Amino acid sequence: MASKLEVDVEVKCNAHKFWEIIRDSNRILPEAFPDQYKSIKVLKGDGKSVGSVRHITYGEGSPLVKESEERVDIVDEAGKKVSYSVIGGDLLKYYKHFKATLVITPKGDGSSVKWTCDYEKASEEIPDPNIIKEFAVKNFLELDEYSHKTMQA
């Protein structure tokens, strides 16, 4: 049975700048957070457009998952929305399918980042992916801090 998790995270960074950071995450995540992301390699496409596939090797700071392959399913530049499906790696041991969507909207001087995941557990004993949701929230807050440090540098 398919299920859904959602979370909204407020960040200080404006929506345009945060969207640029998300779109450049293949480069920024391993550079800014090497303890969480050892590498992100683009296997197909440019890593940003629909149909692109990337392989992520997570670091020691990553809970549960050490490797993942993701395919970009939807990109809406104007709406600042990106959606991807996990098509390989550790997560699929726990979930038959896992698709995440990010939408960034302006909120005051900052922005709101809405993260949604649609998933189906491999078995009933598997917990909801709250640990993945918490990792995503942590990443958004850390990217927000990173954006302020790099803008001041």
Protein backbone atom coordinates (compact mmCIF):
# COMPACT_ATOMS: atom_id res chain seq x y z
CA MET A 1 0.00 0.00 0.00
CA ALA A 2 1.37 3.39 -1.02
CA SER A 3 1.91 6.01 1.67
CA LYS A 4 3.07 9.62 1.87
CA LEU A 5 5.20 11.75 4.20
CA GLU A 6 5.43 15.55 4.01
CA VAL A 7 7.34 18.27 5.77
CA ASP A 8 7.68 22.03 5.31
CA VAL A 9 10.96 23.69 6.24
CA GLU A 10 11.44 27.44 6.47
CA VAL A 11 14.83 28.74 5.36
CA LYS A 12 16.31 32.24 5.42
CA CYS A 13 17.59 32.02 1.85
CA ASN A 14 15.33 33.51 -0.83
CA ALA A 15 13.52 31.05 -3.10
CA HIS A 16 15.52 31.90 -6.24
CA LYS A 17 18.90 31.36 -4.55
CA PHE A 18 17.78 28.19 -2.73
CA TRP A 19 16.45 26.76 -6.00
CA GLU A 20 19.84 27.43 -7.63
CA ILE A 21 21.56 25.56 -4.79
CA ILE A 22 19.17 22.59 -5.11
CA ARG A 23 19.71 22.50 -8.88
CA ASP A 24 23.50 22.47 -8.32
CA SER A 25 23.32 19.85 -5.55
CA ASN A 26 25.40 17.33 -7.53
CA ARG A 27 28.38 19.61 -6.94
CA ILE A 28 27.43 21.42 -3.73
CA LEU A 29 26.40 18.52 -1.46
CA PRO A 30 29.70 16.58 -1.56
CA GLU A 31 31.69 19.82 -1.41
CA ALA A 32 29.79 21.33 1.53
CA PHE A 33 28.98 18.14 3.46
CA PRO A 34 31.61 15.46 2.77
CA ASP A 35 30.65 13.61 5.96
CA GLN A 36 27.18 13.02 4.49
CA TYR A 37 27.93 12.80 0.75
CA LYS A 38 31.11 11.07 -0.43
CA SER A 39 30.24 11.58 -4.09
CA ILE A 40 27.47 12.24 -6.59
CA LYS A 41 28.15 10.96 -10.09
CA VAL A 42 25.91 11.68 -13.05
CA LEU A 43 25.33 8.41 -14.92
CA LYS A 44 22.91 9.65 -17.57
CA GLY A 45 21.98 13.10 -18.86
CA ASP A 46 23.21 16.31 -17.24
CA GLY A 47 22.11 15.43 -13.71
CA LYS A 48 19.45 18.13 -13.73
CA SER A 49 17.00 17.46 -16.55
CA VAL A 50 14.17 14.93 -16.74
CA GLY A 51 15.54 11.43 -17.32
CA SER A 52 18.92 12.20 -15.77
CA VAL A 53 20.26 9.54 -13.42
CA ARG A 54 22.77 10.08 -10.63
CA HIS A 55 24.55 7.71 -8.27
CA ILE A 56 25.00 8.97 -4.71
CA THR A 57 27.53 7.48 -2.31
CA TYR A 58 26.67 8.65 1.18
CA GLY A 59 29.19 9.26 3.97
CA GLU A 60 29.24 8.26 7.61
CA GLY A 61 26.72 10.99 8.46
CA SER A 62 23.99 9.31 6.43
CA PRO A 63 21.49 7.14 8.27
CA LEU A 64 20.31 3.84 6.79
CA VAL A 65 21.39 4.38 3.17
CA LYS A 66 24.96 4.17 1.86
CA GLU A 67 24.27 4.17 -1.89
CA SER A 68 21.39 5.34 -4.03
CA GLU A 69 20.54 5.78 -7.68
CA GLU A 70 18.01 8.48 -8.49
CA ARG A 71 16.23 9.42 -11.71
CA VAL A 72 14.90 12.95 -12.22
CA ASP A 73 11.21 12.65 -13.14
CA ILE A 74 9.91 16.23 -13.10
CA VAL A 75 11.58 19.62 -13.34
CA ASP A 76 9.54 22.81 -13.22
CA GLU A 77 11.96 25.75 -13.26
CA ALA A 78 9.22 28.40 -13.00
CA GLY A 79 7.46 26.58 -10.16
CA LYS A 80 10.78 25.64 -8.48
CA LYS A 81 9.77 21.99 -8.31
CA VAL A 82 11.82 18.85 -8.81
CA SER A 83 10.80 15.24 -8.38
CA TYR A 84 12.95 12.13 -8.46
CA SER A 85 12.54 8.38 -8.01
CA VAL A 86 14.99 6.07 -6.32
CA ILE A 87 15.74 3.37 -8.90
CA GLY A 88 18.64 1.57 -7.21
CA GLY A 89 20.58 1.23 -3.99
CA ASP A 90 20.01 0.47 -0.32
CA LEU A 91 16.67 2.24 0.05
CA LEU A 92 14.98 -0.29 -2.23
CA LYS A 93 15.74 -3.02 0.34
CA TYR A 94 13.16 -1.30 2.56
CA TYR A 95 10.76 0.31 0.09
CA LYS A 96 9.34 -1.10 -3.15
CA HIS A 97 9.24 2.41 -4.52
CA PHE A 98 10.36 5.79 -3.21
CA LYS A 99 9.70 9.08 -4.96
CA ALA A 100 10.51 12.48 -3.48
CA THR A 101 9.33 15.92 -4.57
CA LEU A 102 10.71 19.32 -3.55
CA VAL A 103 8.86 22.58 -4.05
CA ILE A 104 10.43 25.89 -3.06
CA THR A 105 8.18 28.91 -2.57
CA PRO A 106 8.96 32.46 -1.44
CA LYS A 107 8.02 33.22 2.16
CA GLY A 108 8.79 36.71 3.43
CA ASP A 109 12.52 37.38 2.89
CA GLY A 110 13.21 33.65 2.89
CA SER A 111 11.45 30.63 1.50
CA SER A 112 9.57 27.48 2.33
CA VAL A 113 10.83 24.10 1.18
CA LYS A 114 8.15 21.43 0.94
CA TRP A 115 9.49 17.88 0.79
CA THR A 116 7.06 15.08 0.00
CA CYS A 117 7.82 11.42 -0.46
CA ASP A 118 5.56 8.75 -1.83
CA TYR A 119 6.65 5.26 -0.90
CA GLU A 120 5.59 1.67 -0.51
CA LYS A 121 7.13 -0.49 2.18
CA ALA A 122 8.77 -3.77 1.18
CA SER A 123 7.03 -5.36 4.18
CA GLU A 124 4.78 -4.28 7.06
CA GLU A 125 7.64 -4.46 9.59
CA ILE A 126 9.51 -1.68 7.80
CA PRO A 127 9.02 1.68 9.54
CA ASP A 128 7.83 4.80 7.75
CA PRO A 129 10.85 6.64 6.28
CA ASN A 130 10.91 9.30 9.02
CA ILE A 131 14.70 8.94 9.25
CA ILE A 132 14.94 9.95 5.57
CA LYS A 133 12.58 12.88 6.17
CA GLU A 134 14.73 14.03 9.12
CA PHE A 135 17.87 13.73 6.95
CA ALA A 136 16.19 15.88 4.26
CA VAL A 137 15.20 18.54 6.82
CA LYS A 138 18.75 18.58 8.23
CA ASN A 139 20.12 18.98 4.68
CA PHE A 140 17.81 21.92 3.90
CA LEU A 141 18.78 23.74 7.10
CA GLU A 142 22.48 23.07 6.49
CA LEU A 143 22.18 24.22 2.86
CA ASP A 144 20.54 27.39 4.13
CA GLU A 145 23.50 28.03 6.47
CA TYR A 146 25.92 27.15 3.66
CA SER A 147 24.21 29.65 1.34
CA HIS A 148 24.67 32.47 3.87
CA LYS A 149 28.34 31.61 4.43
CA THR A 150 29.10 31.47 0.71
CA MET A 151 27.19 34.68 -0.04
CA GLN A 152 29.25 36.51 2.60
CA ALA A 153 32.58 35.09 1.39
